[in-house]
């Protein structure tokens, strides 16, 4: 029996449209690991923006992904994946199960990501975090991903790289 396990990772800054892509384009029957939802599950305040909860949210996602990949399923990792180390961890996770890897680059013009972020609720939770990401953080992630495009498409070992750039 051929292993059909697949890990699809979205890569894009906050406000790029990663979760929208997942809702509209994730393969039927796949498991979507959304780090925002996982943060809400593990944070003391149940806030999806609580960045202190990120390590536990990632671990929760990795546990779910391992279970799905072990049975030959498809996981869609819904997160910025802006840092090389984060993408590398996903590659290792996939390799543990002989899974095919697909990177979906979601990079609208920076102005689109910034405008979408601006429409997010700016109120801070009791934990001190807000769904609205600081503009400088979005700019830095967008820049970092664009600087890494050649590495992502050639050097990181993805089996397939897809570019999705819907503007609205």
Foldseek 3Di string as FASTA:
>chain_A
DDQQEEEEEEAAFAQLCLVVCCVVPPDPPEAELALLCLLLVPPPQSGSFLPVSNVVSVVVSLVVSLVQSQVRGYYYYRDNCLDPVSVLVVVVSCVVRVHAYEYEYRQEPLVSSQVSLVPFDQDAGPSGGGSRDPSVRNVVSNVSCVVCVVCVCPPSDHPYYHYDYDRD
